[in-house]
Amino acid sequence: MFENLLEMQERGVRDRALGRSLADNPMSKPDVLPITDLQEWYSMYDAWRFGWSIEDAMAGHIDLPRDGRASPRAYTRTV
């Protein structure tokens, strides 16, 4: 299962790099994936989200508004 979690994290990273949103988590579609073990399902859901969040933070997407302009706080300097 550990390898599956790492693979799901990597998938989250790739999905964020491709511009997908948190709503695109493949584990959030239970009608597509049969849930037999709730704990395993949540671990996979969380692993994808963690990978997605890492890529989001590393690429600096957090401070970018949807219109593509830089946020005002990006230019704020403290002296």
PDB file of N, CA and C in Angstrom:
ATOM      1  N   MET A   1       0.813  -1.187   0.000  1.00  0.00           N
ATOM      2  CA  MET A   1       0.000   0.000   0.000  1.00  0.00           C
ATOM      3  C   MET A   1       0.863   1.260   0.000  1.00  0.00           C
ATOM      4  N   PHE A   2       2.047   1.209   0.627  1.00  0.00           N
ATOM      5  CA  PHE A   2       2.921   2.378   0.680  1.00  0.00           C
ATOM      6  C   PHE A   2       3.266   2.859  -0.723  1.00  0.00           C
ATOM      7  N   GLU A   3       3.564   1.928  -1.632  1.00  0.00           N
ATOM      8  CA  GLU A   3       3.876   2.300  -3.009  1.00  0.00           C
ATOM      9  C   GLU A   3       2.673   2.963  -3.680  1.00  0.00           C
ATOM     10  N   ASN A   4       1.492   2.469  -3.375  1.00  0.00           N
ATOM     11  CA  ASN A   4       0.280   3.061  -3.943  1.00  0.00           C
ATOM     12  C   ASN A   4       0.096   4.501  -3.477  1.00  0.00           C
ATOM     13  N   LEU A   5       0.431   4.777  -2.211  1.00  0.00           N
ATOM     14  CA  LEU A   5       0.308   6.129  -1.697  1.00  0.00           C
ATOM     15  C   LEU A   5       1.293   7.065  -2.378  1.00  0.00           C
ATOM     16  N   LEU A   6       2.520   6.590  -2.577  1.00  0.00           N
ATOM     17  CA  LEU A   6       3.515   7.409  -3.278  1.00  0.00           C
ATOM     18  C   LEU A   6       3.093   7.673  -4.718  1.00  0.00           C
ATOM     19  N   GLU A   7       2.556   6.651  -5.364  1.00  0.00           N
ATOM     20  CA  GLU A   7       2.068   6.828  -6.737  1.00  0.00           C
ATOM     21  C   GLU A   7       0.931   7.841  -6.779  1.00  0.00           C
ATOM     22  N   MET A   8       0.053   7.805  -5.784  1.00  0.00           N
ATOM     23  CA  MET A   8      -1.062   8.743  -5.755  1.00  0.00           C
ATOM     24  C   MET A   8      -0.560  10.160  -5.488  1.00  0.00           C
ATOM     25  N   GLN A   9       0.462  10.317  -4.634  1.00  0.00           N
ATOM     26  CA  GLN A   9       1.054  11.638  -4.423  1.00  0.00           C
ATOM     27  C   GLN A   9       1.637  12.180  -5.726  1.00  0.00           C
ATOM     28  N   GLU A  10       2.376  11.324  -6.436  1.00  0.00           N
ATOM     29  CA  GLU A  10       2.963  11.733  -7.711  1.00  0.00           C
ATOM     30  C   GLU A  10       1.878  12.112  -8.714  1.00  0.00           C
ATOM     31  N   ARG A  11       0.779  11.393  -8.692  1.00  0.00           N
ATOM     32  CA  ARG A  11      -0.326  11.722  -9.590  1.00  0.00           C
ATOM     33  C   ARG A  11      -0.914  13.088  -9.246  1.00  0.00           C
ATOM     34  N   GLY A  12      -1.011  13.391  -7.950  1.00  0.00           N
ATOM     35  CA  GLY A  12      -1.483  14.699  -7.523  1.00  0.00           C
ATOM     36  C   GLY A  12      -0.559  15.813  -7.998  1.00  0.00           C
ATOM     37  N   VAL A  13       0.743  15.574  -7.910  1.00  0.00           N
ATOM     38  CA  VAL A  13       1.726  16.553  -8.400  1.00  0.00           C
ATOM     39  C   VAL A  13       1.533  16.773  -9.893  1.00  0.00           C
ATOM     40  N   ARG A  14       1.444  15.696 -10.647  1.00  0.00           N
ATOM     41  CA  ARG A  14       1.263  15.805 -12.107  1.00  0.00           C
ATOM     42  C   ARG A  14      -0.047  16.506 -12.456  1.00  0.00           C
ATOM     43  N   ASP A  15      -1.110  16.141 -11.747  1.00  0.00           N
ATOM     44  CA  ASP A  15      -2.407  16.753 -12.038  1.00  0.00           C
ATOM     45  C   ASP A  15      -2.373  18.256 -11.785  1.00  0.00           C
ATOM     46  N   ARG A  16      -1.718  18.693 -10.706  1.00  0.00           N
ATOM     47  CA  ARG A  16      -1.636  20.133 -10.440  1.00  0.00           C
ATOM     48  C   ARG A  16      -0.780  20.819 -11.496  1.00  0.00           C
ATOM     49  N   ALA A  17       0.305  20.170 -11.905  1.00  0.00           N
ATOM     50  CA  ALA A  17       1.167  20.736 -12.951  1.00  0.00           C
ATOM     51  C   ALA A  17       0.397  20.883 -14.265  1.00  0.00           C
ATOM     52  N   LEU A  18      -0.578  20.015 -14.471  1.00  0.00           N
ATOM     53  CA  LEU A  18      -1.409  20.091 -15.676  1.00  0.00           C
ATOM     54  C   LEU A  18      -2.566  21.077 -15.526  1.00  0.00           C
ATOM     55  N   GLY A  19      -2.659  21.715 -14.359  1.00  0.00           N
ATOM     56  CA  GLY A  19      -3.685  22.736 -14.152  1.00  0.00           C
ATOM     57  C   GLY A  19      -4.992  22.233 -13.569  1.00  0.00           C
ATOM     58  N   ARG A  20      -5.007  21.004 -13.100  1.00  0.00           N
ATOM     59  CA  ARG A  20      -6.244  20.484 -12.515  1.00  0.00           C
ATOM     60  C   ARG A  20      -6.473  21.070 -11.123  1.00  0.00           C
ATOM     61  N   SER A  21      -7.714  21.115 -10.702  1.00  0.00           N
ATOM     62  CA  SER A  21      -8.069  21.693  -9.405  1.00  0.00           C
ATOM     63  C   SER A  21      -8.225  20.600  -8.354  1.00  0.00           C
ATOM     64  N   LEU A  22      -8.406  21.029  -7.103  1.00  0.00           N
ATOM     65  CA  LEU A  22      -8.635  20.065  -6.020  1.00  0.00           C
ATOM     66  C   LEU A  22      -9.877  19.227  -6.273  1.00  0.00           C
ATOM     67  N   ALA A  23     -10.829  19.783  -6.972  1.00  0.00           N
ATOM     68  CA  ALA A  23     -12.070  19.050  -7.271  1.00  0.00           C
ATOM     69  C   ALA A  23     -11.835  17.895  -8.239  1.00  0.00           C
ATOM     70  N   ASP A  24     -10.679  17.870  -8.873  1.00  0.00           N
ATOM     71  CA  ASP A  24     -10.364  16.803  -9.830  1.00  0.00           C
ATOM     72  C   ASP A  24      -9.719  15.582  -9.182  1.00  0.00           C
ATOM     73  N   ASN A  25      -9.688  15.536  -7.866  1.00  0.00           N
ATOM     74  CA  ASN A  25      -9.116  14.385  -7.164  1.00  0.00           C
ATOM     75  C   ASN A  25      -9.840  13.125  -7.627  1.00  0.00           C
ATOM     76  N   PRO A  26      -9.112  12.174  -8.211  1.00  0.00           N
ATOM     77  CA  PRO A  26      -9.779  10.970  -8.725  1.00  0.00           C
ATOM     78  C   PRO A  26     -10.452  10.145  -7.629  1.00  0.00           C
ATOM     79  N   MET A  27     -10.015  10.318  -6.406  1.00  0.00           N
ATOM     80  CA  MET A  27     -10.621   9.571  -5.304  1.00  0.00           C
ATOM     81  C   MET A  27     -11.903  10.225  -4.809  1.00  0.00           C
ATOM     82  N   SER A  28     -12.265  11.380  -5.362  1.00  0.00           N
ATOM     83  CA  SER A  28     -13.497  12.039  -4.936  1.00  0.00           C
ATOM     84  C   SER A  28     -14.683  11.623  -5.797  1.00  0.00           C
ATOM     85  N   LYS A  29     -14.479  10.626  -6.628  1.00  0.00           N
ATOM     86  CA  LYS A  29     -15.540  10.133  -7.500  1.00  0.00           C
ATOM     87  C   LYS A  29     -15.861   8.688  -7.136  1.00  0.00           C
ATOM     88  N   PRO A  30     -16.589   8.480  -6.032  1.00  0.00           N
ATOM     89  CA  PRO A  30     -16.848   7.114  -5.582  1.00  0.00           C
ATOM     90  C   PRO A  30     -17.666   6.291  -6.557  1.00  0.00           C
ATOM     91  N   ASP A  31     -18.399   6.953  -7.456  1.00  0.00           N
ATOM     92  CA  ASP A  31     -19.171   6.189  -8.428  1.00  0.00           C
ATOM     93  C   ASP A  31     -18.258   5.511  -9.446  1.00  0.00           C
ATOM     94  N   VAL A  32     -17.052   6.052  -9.624  1.00  0.00           N
ATOM     95  CA  VAL A  32     -16.087   5.457 -10.550  1.00  0.00           C
ATOM     96  C   VAL A  32     -15.253   4.389  -9.849  1.00  0.00           C
ATOM     97  N   LEU A  33     -14.917   4.652  -8.591  1.00  0.00           N
ATOM     98  CA  LEU A  33     -14.077   3.732  -7.835  1.00  0.00           C
ATOM     99  C   LEU A  33     -14.890   3.078  -6.722  1.00  0.00           C
ATOM    100  N   PRO A  34     -15.027   1.796  -6.734  1.00  0.00           N
ATOM    101  CA  PRO A  34     -15.758   1.163  -5.633  1.00  0.00           C
ATOM    102  C   PRO A  34     -14.963   1.276  -4.331  1.00  0.00           C
ATOM    103  N   ILE A  35     -15.602   1.748  -3.291  1.00  0.00           N
ATOM    104  CA  ILE A  35     -14.950   1.899  -1.993  1.00  0.00           C
ATOM    105  C   ILE A  35     -15.250   0.663  -1.163  1.00  0.00           C
ATOM    106  N   THR A  36     -14.202  -0.109  -0.902  1.00  0.00           N
ATOM    107  CA  THR A  36     -14.374  -1.308  -0.087  1.00  0.00           C
ATOM    108  C   THR A  36     -13.757  -1.132   1.292  1.00  0.00           C
ATOM    109  N   ASP A  37     -12.750  -0.273   1.400  1.00  0.00           N
ATOM    110  CA  ASP A  37     -12.073  -0.025   2.672  1.00  0.00           C
ATOM    111  C   ASP A  37     -11.977   1.483   2.852  1.00  0.00           C
ATOM    112  N   LEU A  38     -12.765   2.029   3.756  1.00  0.00           N
ATOM    113  CA  LEU A  38     -12.849   3.473   3.938  1.00  0.00           C
ATOM    114  C   LEU A  38     -11.502   4.079   4.332  1.00  0.00           C
ATOM    115  N   GLN A  39     -10.750   3.415   5.183  1.00  0.00           N
ATOM    116  CA  GLN A  39      -9.454   3.939   5.609  1.00  0.00           C
ATOM    117  C   GLN A  39      -8.472   3.986   4.435  1.00  0.00           C
ATOM    118  N   GLU A  40      -8.455   2.952   3.624  1.00  0.00           N
ATOM    119  CA  GLU A  40      -7.569   2.935   2.454  1.00  0.00           C
ATOM    120  C   GLU A  40      -7.989   4.012   1.455  1.00  0.00           C
ATOM    121  N   TRP A  41      -9.293   4.156   1.245  1.00  0.00           N
ATOM    122  CA  TRP A  41      -9.781   5.181   0.334  1.00  0.00           C
ATOM    123  C   TRP A  41      -9.348   6.569   0.799  1.00  0.00           C
ATOM    124  N   TYR A  42      -9.527   6.866   2.085  1.00  0.00           N
ATOM    125  CA  TYR A  42      -9.170   8.183   2.585  1.00  0.00           C
ATOM    126  C   TYR A  42      -7.665   8.415   2.495  1.00  0.00           C
ATOM    127  N   SER A  43      -6.871   7.394   2.727  1.00  0.00           N
ATOM    128  CA  SER A  43      -5.415   7.525   2.600  1.00  0.00           C
ATOM    129  C   SER A  43      -5.033   7.890   1.175  1.00  0.00           C
ATOM    130  N   MET A  44      -5.661   7.266   0.202  1.00  0.00           N
ATOM    131  CA  MET A  44      -5.379   7.560  -1.200  1.00  0.00           C
ATOM    132  C   MET A  44      -5.868   8.967  -1.560  1.00  0.00           C
ATOM    133  N   TYR A  45      -7.048   9.339  -1.075  1.00  0.00           N
ATOM    134  CA  TYR A  45      -7.600  10.672  -1.303  1.00  0.00           C
ATOM    135  C   TYR A  45      -6.645  11.723  -0.751  1.00  0.00           C
ATOM    136  N   ASP A  46      -6.187  11.508   0.471  1.00  0.00           N
ATOM    137  CA  ASP A  46      -5.303  12.450   1.137  1.00  0.00           C
ATOM    138  C   ASP A  46      -3.923  12.497   0.473  1.00  0.00           C
ATOM    139  N   ALA A  47      -3.419  11.374   0.002  1.00  0.00           N
ATOM    140  CA  ALA A  47      -2.114  11.338  -0.673  1.00  0.00           C
ATOM    141  C   ALA A  47      -2.158  12.162  -1.953  1.00  0.00           C
ATOM    142  N   TRP A  48      -3.219  12.032  -2.744  1.00  0.00           N
ATOM    143  CA  TRP A  48      -3.341  12.831  -3.973  1.00  0.00           C
ATOM    144  C   TRP A  48      -3.395  14.312  -3.625  1.00  0.00           C
ATOM    145  N   ARG A  49      -4.200  14.645  -2.631  1.00  0.00           N
ATOM    146  CA  ARG A  49      -4.351  16.044  -2.218  1.00  0.00           C
ATOM    147  C   ARG A  49      -3.026  16.611  -1.715  1.00  0.00           C
ATOM    148  N   PHE A  50      -2.252  15.809  -0.987  1.00  0.00           N
ATOM    149  CA  PHE A  50      -0.952  16.241  -0.483  1.00  0.00           C
ATOM    150  C   PHE A  50       0.000  16.518  -1.646  1.00  0.00           C
ATOM    151  N   GLY A  51       0.060  15.617  -2.612  1.00  0.00           N
ATOM    152  CA  GLY A  51       0.901  15.834  -3.791  1.00  0.00           C
ATOM    153  C   GLY A  51       0.482  17.069  -4.559  1.00  0.00           C
ATOM    154  N   TRP A  52      -0.824  17.246  -4.728  1.00  0.00           N
ATOM    155  CA  TRP A  52      -1.365  18.417  -5.418  1.00  0.00           C
ATOM    156  C   TRP A  52      -0.946  19.685  -4.690  1.00  0.00           C
ATOM    157  N   SER A  53      -1.048  19.682  -3.355  1.00  0.00           N
ATOM    158  CA  SER A  53      -0.715  20.853  -2.550  1.00  0.00           C
ATOM    159  C   SER A  53       0.770  21.188  -2.604  1.00  0.00           C
ATOM    160  N   ILE A  54       1.613  20.169  -2.629  1.00  0.00           N
ATOM    161  CA  ILE A  54       3.053  20.405  -2.739  1.00  0.00           C
ATOM    162  C   ILE A  54       3.365  21.111  -4.050  1.00  0.00           C
ATOM    163  N   GLU A  55       2.838  20.604  -5.146  1.00  0.00           N
ATOM    164  CA  GLU A  55       3.083  21.228  -6.451  1.00  0.00           C
ATOM    165  C   GLU A  55       2.510  22.639  -6.488  1.00  0.00           C
ATOM    166  N   ASP A  56       1.351  22.827  -5.898  1.00  0.00           N
ATOM    167  CA  ASP A  56       0.724  24.139  -5.869  1.00  0.00           C
ATOM    168  C   ASP A  56       1.619  25.144  -5.142  1.00  0.00           C
ATOM    169  N   ALA A  57       2.156  24.737  -4.014  1.00  0.00           N
ATOM    170  CA  ALA A  57       3.026  25.625  -3.237  1.00  0.00           C
ATOM    171  C   ALA A  57       4.354  25.867  -3.949  1.00  0.00           C
ATOM    172  N   MET A  58       4.942  24.831  -4.511  1.00  0.00           N
ATOM    173  CA  MET A  58       6.241  24.958  -5.178  1.00  0.00           C
ATOM    174  C   MET A  58       6.160  25.827  -6.424  1.00  0.00           C
ATOM    175  N   ALA A  59       5.063  25.760  -7.111  1.00  0.00           N
ATOM    176  CA  ALA A  59       4.915  26.529  -8.348  1.00  0.00           C
ATOM    177  C   ALA A  59       4.406  27.945  -8.077  1.00  0.00           C
ATOM    178  N   GLY A  60       4.093  28.247  -6.833  1.00  0.00           N
ATOM    179  CA  GLY A  60       3.638  29.581  -6.479  1.00  0.00           C
ATOM    180  C   GLY A  60       2.221  29.886  -6.888  1.00  0.00           C
ATOM    181  N   HIS A  61       1.426  28.860  -7.086  1.00  0.00           N
ATOM    182  CA  HIS A  61       0.047  29.066  -7.516  1.00  0.00           C
ATOM    183  C   HIS A  61      -0.824  29.686  -6.431  1.00  0.00           C
ATOM    184  N   ILE A  62      -0.433  29.569  -5.199  1.00  0.00           N
ATOM    185  CA  ILE A  62      -1.285  30.006  -4.095  1.00  0.00           C
ATOM    186  C   ILE A  62      -1.578  31.499  -4.174  1.00  0.00           C
ATOM    187  N   ASP A  63      -0.588  32.321  -4.560  1.00  0.00           N
ATOM    188  CA  ASP A  63      -0.776  33.765  -4.566  1.00  0.00           C
ATOM    189  C   ASP A  63      -1.297  34.300  -5.889  1.00  0.00           C
ATOM    190  N   LEU A  64      -1.591  33.437  -6.839  1.00  0.00           N
ATOM    191  CA  LEU A  64      -2.052  33.912  -8.132  1.00  0.00           C
ATOM    192  C   LEU A  64      -3.577  33.882  -8.199  1.00  0.00           C
ATOM    193  N   PRO A  65      -4.184  35.032  -8.433  1.00  0.00           N
ATOM    194  CA  PRO A  65      -5.638  35.031  -8.610  1.00  0.00           C
ATOM    195  C   PRO A  65      -6.007  34.403  -9.940  1.00  0.00           C
ATOM    196  N   ARG A  66      -7.263  34.085 -10.125  1.00  0.00           N
ATOM    197  CA  ARG A  66      -7.717  33.398 -11.330  1.00  0.00           C
ATOM    198  C   ARG A  66      -7.505  34.207 -12.607  1.00  0.00           C
ATOM    199  N   ASP A  67      -7.444  35.545 -12.500  1.00  0.00           N
ATOM    200  CA  ASP A  67      -7.270  36.345 -13.716  1.00  0.00           C
ATOM    201  C   ASP A  67      -5.822  36.389 -14.181  1.00  0.00           C
ATOM    202  N   GLY A  68      -4.897  35.776 -13.430  1.00  0.00           N
ATOM    203  CA  GLY A  68      -3.513  35.668 -13.852  1.00  0.00           C
ATOM    204  C   GLY A  68      -2.626  36.815 -13.413  1.00  0.00           C
ATOM    205  N   ARG A  69      -3.211  37.877 -12.854  1.00  0.00           N
ATOM    206  CA  ARG A  69      -2.393  39.001 -12.388  1.00  0.00           C
ATOM    207  C   ARG A  69      -1.808  38.682 -11.025  1.00  0.00           C
ATOM    208  N   ALA A  70      -0.663  39.267 -10.726  1.00  0.00           N
ATOM    209  CA  ALA A  70      -0.027  39.043  -9.435  1.00  0.00           C
ATOM    210  C   ALA A  70      -0.843  39.700  -8.339  1.00  0.00           C
ATOM    211  N   SER A  71      -0.839  39.110  -7.176  1.00  0.00           N
ATOM    212  CA  SER A  71      -1.582  39.682  -6.059  1.00  0.00           C
ATOM    213  C   SER A  71      -0.812  40.872  -5.495  1.00  0.00           C
ATOM    214  N   PRO A  72      -1.497  41.845  -4.894  1.00  0.00           N
ATOM    215  CA  PRO A  72      -0.825  43.011  -4.342  1.00  0.00           C
ATOM    216  C   PRO A  72       0.206  42.662  -3.285  1.00  0.00           C
ATOM    217  N   ARG A  73      -0.033  41.621  -2.500  1.00  0.00           N
ATOM    218  CA  ARG A  73       0.921  41.285  -1.452  1.00  0.00           C
ATOM    219  C   ARG A  73       2.224  40.719  -2.001  1.00  0.00           C
ATOM    220  N   ALA A  74       2.231  40.307  -3.271  1.00  0.00           N
ATOM    221  CA  ALA A  74       3.473  39.825  -3.873  1.00  0.00           C
ATOM    222  C   ALA A  74       4.486  40.945  -3.994  1.00  0.00           C
ATOM    223  N   TYR A  75       4.015  42.196  -4.023  1.00  0.00           N
ATOM    224  CA  TYR A  75       4.904  43.340  -4.185  1.00  0.00           C
ATOM    225  C   TYR A  75       5.175  44.051  -2.867  1.00  0.00           C
ATOM    226  N   THR A  76       4.618  43.592  -1.790  1.00  0.00           N
ATOM    227  CA  THR A  76       4.777  44.232  -0.500  1.00  0.00           C
ATOM    228  C   THR A  76       6.134  43.848   0.101  1.00  0.00           C
ATOM    229  N   ARG A  77       6.901  44.849   0.506  1.00  0.00           N
ATOM    230  CA  ARG A  77       8.188  44.601   1.148  1.00  0.00           C
ATOM    231  C   ARG A  77       8.138  45.146   2.558  1.00  0.00           C
ATOM    232  N   THR A  78       8.762  44.433   3.447  1.00  0.00           N
ATOM    233  CA  THR A  78       8.884  44.931   4.812  1.00  0.00           C
ATOM    234  C   THR A  78      10.316  45.387   5.008  1.00  0.00           C
ATOM    235  N   VAL A  79      10.479  46.551   5.613  1.00  0.00           N
ATOM    236  CA  VAL A  79      11.825  47.121   5.800  1.00  0.00           C
ATOM    237  C   VAL A  79      12.219  47.026   7.235  1.00  0.00           C
TER     238      VAL A  79
END
